[in-house]
């Protein structure tokens, strides 16, 4: 009898440890930001009677048509775009129809295609307060790219900074006003 109780306690301890490790391995938003945010936004558009696999897939394809940048890339990886090479849309729609939260759906999708959680949104730079000289050239190029501008002939960091300061009144007038007010 004493051996059975010891065995029972050992089993309970092992199960407790397994339960703790499984909850600590849960996917967090910073681990898979694009997937979790995009799927959460999509799930909020669904209503109760629409939560069938077919409806979810149809609505997700439609939802992806308006997606841009990283969200569009996620749709491509899942297989919701016409140009998608692969399709794991069923891996997303089935759990969603059961009411599984976005982080768990993304965790499952990540097991099928690890690129899904490698997607990251670009850093948002507050142009009103940031010191442009402390940014990396890559970030300066991203600012220009987001504005739809190029810096032809720019070879050094100072060239990119000069171009951003030149275009700031046109593309970010509030930030430009705050910066000029700060300099006075």
Protein backbone atom coordinates (compact mmCIF):
# COMPACT_ATOMS: atom_id res chain seq x y z
CA UNK A 1 0.00 0.00 0.00
CA UNK A 2 2.83 2.40 0.87
CA UNK A 3 4.54 1.68 -2.48
CA UNK A 4 1.31 2.47 -4.34
CA UNK A 5 1.00 5.86 -2.61
CA UNK A 6 4.61 6.71 -3.45
CA UNK A 7 4.03 5.76 -7.07
CA UNK A 8 0.87 7.88 -7.11
CA UNK A 9 2.75 10.92 -5.76
CA UNK A 10 5.54 10.47 -8.31
CA UNK A 11 3.00 10.26 -11.15
CA UNK A 12 1.18 13.35 -9.87
CA UNK A 13 4.48 15.24 -9.66
CA UNK A 14 5.47 14.26 -13.20
CA UNK A 15 2.05 15.31 -14.52
CA UNK A 16 2.35 18.63 -12.68
CA UNK A 17 5.76 19.30 -14.22
CA UNK A 18 4.46 18.40 -17.68
CA UNK A 19 1.51 20.74 -17.22
CA UNK A 20 3.81 23.60 -16.19
CA UNK A 21 6.17 23.10 -19.13
CA UNK A 22 3.33 22.95 -21.63
CA UNK A 23 1.91 26.28 -20.42
CA UNK A 24 5.29 28.01 -20.43
CA UNK A 25 5.84 26.98 -24.06
CA UNK A 26 2.70 28.81 -25.19
CA UNK A 27 3.27 31.22 -28.05
CA UNK A 28 3.36 34.87 -27.02
CA UNK A 29 2.52 37.82 -29.25
CA UNK A 30 6.15 38.93 -29.42
CA UNK A 31 7.11 35.43 -30.67
CA UNK A 32 4.69 35.55 -33.60
CA UNK A 33 3.38 39.14 -33.86
CA UNK A 34 2.08 39.27 -37.43
CA UNK A 35 0.15 36.00 -37.23
CA UNK A 36 -1.43 36.65 -33.84
CA UNK A 37 -2.44 40.26 -34.60
CA UNK A 38 -3.76 39.50 -38.08
CA UNK A 39 -5.72 36.41 -37.04
CA UNK A 40 -7.14 38.21 -34.00
CA UNK A 41 -8.28 41.05 -36.23
CA UNK A 42 -9.84 38.52 -38.62
CA UNK A 43 -11.54 36.56 -35.82
CA UNK A 44 -13.16 39.77 -34.58
CA UNK A 45 -14.92 40.12 -37.96
CA UNK A 46 -16.56 36.69 -37.69
CA UNK A 47 -19.99 36.18 -36.22
CA UNK A 48 -21.34 33.03 -34.53
CA UNK A 49 -23.17 31.39 -37.43
CA UNK A 50 -20.27 32.09 -39.80
CA UNK A 51 -17.85 29.85 -37.93
CA UNK A 52 -17.89 26.90 -40.32
CA UNK A 53 -14.70 25.78 -42.02
CA UNK A 54 -15.96 26.75 -45.49
CA UNK A 55 -17.17 30.19 -44.41
CA UNK A 56 -13.96 30.92 -42.53
CA UNK A 57 -11.83 29.99 -45.54
CA UNK A 58 -13.98 32.06 -47.91
CA UNK A 59 -14.00 35.10 -45.61
CA UNK A 60 -10.26 34.77 -44.91
CA UNK A 61 -9.48 34.79 -48.64
CA UNK A 62 -11.60 37.93 -48.98
CA UNK A 63 -9.97 39.47 -45.88
CA UNK A 64 -6.52 38.78 -47.35
CA UNK A 65 -7.30 40.68 -50.56
CA UNK A 66 -7.02 43.96 -48.65
CA UNK A 67 -3.88 42.89 -46.74
CA UNK A 68 -0.62 44.74 -47.33
CA UNK A 69 3.06 44.13 -46.58
CA UNK A 70 3.64 41.58 -43.78
CA UNK A 71 -0.06 40.72 -43.48
CA UNK A 72 -0.12 39.90 -47.19
CA UNK A 73 2.99 37.74 -46.77
CA UNK A 74 1.23 35.83 -43.97
CA UNK A 75 -1.76 35.24 -46.26
CA UNK A 76 0.66 33.96 -48.90
CA UNK A 77 2.25 31.50 -46.46
CA UNK A 78 -1.13 30.23 -45.26
CA UNK A 79 -2.35 29.78 -48.82
CA UNK A 80 -5.14 32.34 -48.93
CA UNK A 81 -3.83 34.17 -52.00
CA UNK A 82 -4.20 33.02 -55.59
CA UNK A 83 -0.41 33.23 -55.98
CA UNK A 84 0.30 31.05 -52.92
CA UNK A 85 2.59 28.11 -53.59
CA UNK A 86 1.31 26.00 -50.71
CA UNK A 87 -1.90 25.82 -48.76
CA UNK A 88 -2.36 25.20 -45.07
CA UNK A 89 -5.61 27.13 -44.92
CA UNK A 90 -7.38 24.10 -43.45
CA UNK A 91 -4.89 24.05 -40.57
CA UNK A 92 -6.09 27.57 -39.73
CA UNK A 93 -9.82 27.30 -40.44
CA UNK A 94 -10.60 24.08 -38.55
CA UNK A 95 -9.30 25.19 -35.14
CA UNK A 96 -10.83 28.62 -35.69
CA UNK A 97 -14.25 27.04 -36.28
CA UNK A 98 -13.90 25.31 -32.90
CA UNK A 99 -13.20 28.64 -31.19
CA UNK A 100 -9.47 28.11 -30.62
CA UNK A 101 -7.72 31.45 -29.83
CA UNK A 102 -5.39 33.08 -32.36
CA UNK A 103 -2.18 32.32 -30.45
CA UNK A 104 -2.93 28.58 -30.46
CA UNK A 105 -3.85 28.65 -34.16
CA UNK A 106 -0.56 30.42 -34.92
CA UNK A 107 1.32 27.87 -32.82
CA UNK A 108 -0.19 25.09 -34.94
CA UNK A 109 0.57 26.95 -38.19
CA UNK A 110 4.14 27.54 -37.03
CA UNK A 111 4.64 23.78 -36.68
CA UNK A 112 3.63 23.39 -40.34
CA UNK A 113 5.58 26.40 -41.69
CA UNK A 114 8.14 28.13 -39.47
CA UNK A 115 8.23 31.19 -41.75
CA UNK A 116 4.87 32.26 -40.32
CA UNK A 117 6.35 33.28 -36.97
CA UNK A 118 9.47 34.76 -38.53
CA UNK A 119 7.38 37.64 -39.91
CA UNK A 120 7.80 40.88 -37.98
CA UNK A 121 6.23 44.30 -38.42
CA UNK A 122 8.78 47.03 -39.11
CA UNK A 123 9.73 49.27 -36.21
CA UNK A 124 7.56 52.37 -35.94
CA UNK A 125 9.77 55.44 -35.63
CA UNK A 126 8.46 58.61 -34.01
CA UNK A 127 9.97 61.17 -36.35
CA UNK A 128 9.07 64.04 -34.04
CA UNK A 129 11.40 62.91 -31.27
CA UNK A 130 13.91 60.47 -32.76
CA UNK A 131 17.53 61.44 -33.31
CA UNK A 132 18.01 60.49 -36.96
CA UNK A 133 21.79 60.31 -36.49
CA UNK A 134 21.36 57.41 -34.06
CA UNK A 135 19.23 55.31 -36.44
CA UNK A 136 20.74 52.61 -38.63
CA UNK A 137 20.93 53.20 -42.38
CA UNK A 138 18.46 50.33 -42.80
CA UNK A 139 15.90 52.20 -40.66
CA UNK A 140 16.49 55.42 -42.60
CA UNK A 141 15.92 53.54 -45.85
CA UNK A 142 12.70 52.08 -44.40
CA UNK A 143 11.41 55.57 -43.59
CA UNK A 144 11.99 56.65 -47.18
CA UNK A 145 10.52 53.41 -48.49
CA UNK A 146 7.36 53.86 -46.40
CA UNK A 147 6.98 57.31 -47.94
CA UNK A 148 7.41 55.82 -51.42
CA UNK A 149 10.63 57.76 -51.95
CA UNK A 150 14.15 56.77 -52.94
CA UNK A 151 17.47 58.36 -52.23
CA UNK A 152 19.32 58.13 -55.51
CA UNK A 153 23.02 58.73 -55.13
CA UNK A 154 22.94 58.38 -51.35
CA UNK A 155 26.12 56.69 -50.21
CA UNK A 156 26.44 57.73 -46.59
CA UNK A 157 24.17 57.96 -43.59
CA UNK A 158 24.27 61.77 -43.72
CA UNK A 159 22.86 61.67 -47.28
CA UNK A 160 19.83 59.66 -46.10
CA UNK A 161 19.30 62.00 -43.13
CA UNK A 162 19.46 65.04 -45.40
CA UNK A 163 16.90 63.46 -47.77
CA UNK A 164 14.53 62.60 -44.89
CA UNK A 165 14.76 66.13 -43.47
CA UNK A 166 14.12 67.52 -46.96
CA UNK A 167 11.00 65.36 -47.50
CA UNK A 168 9.64 65.48 -43.94
CA UNK A 169 7.42 68.59 -44.46
CA UNK A 170 5.66 66.77 -47.30
CA UNK A 171 5.28 63.29 -45.78
CA UNK A 172 5.22 63.94 -42.02
CA UNK A 173 4.20 67.58 -41.47
CA UNK A 174 3.34 67.09 -37.77
CA UNK A 175 6.75 65.58 -37.06
CA UNK A 176 8.43 68.35 -39.04
CA UNK A 177 6.53 71.02 -37.09
CA UNK A 178 7.49 69.38 -33.78
CA UNK A 179 11.14 69.14 -34.80
CA UNK A 180 11.38 72.77 -35.94
CA UNK A 181 9.60 73.92 -32.77
CA UNK A 182 12.09 71.89 -30.72
CA UNK A 183 15.06 73.49 -32.49
CA UNK A 184 13.86 77.03 -31.69
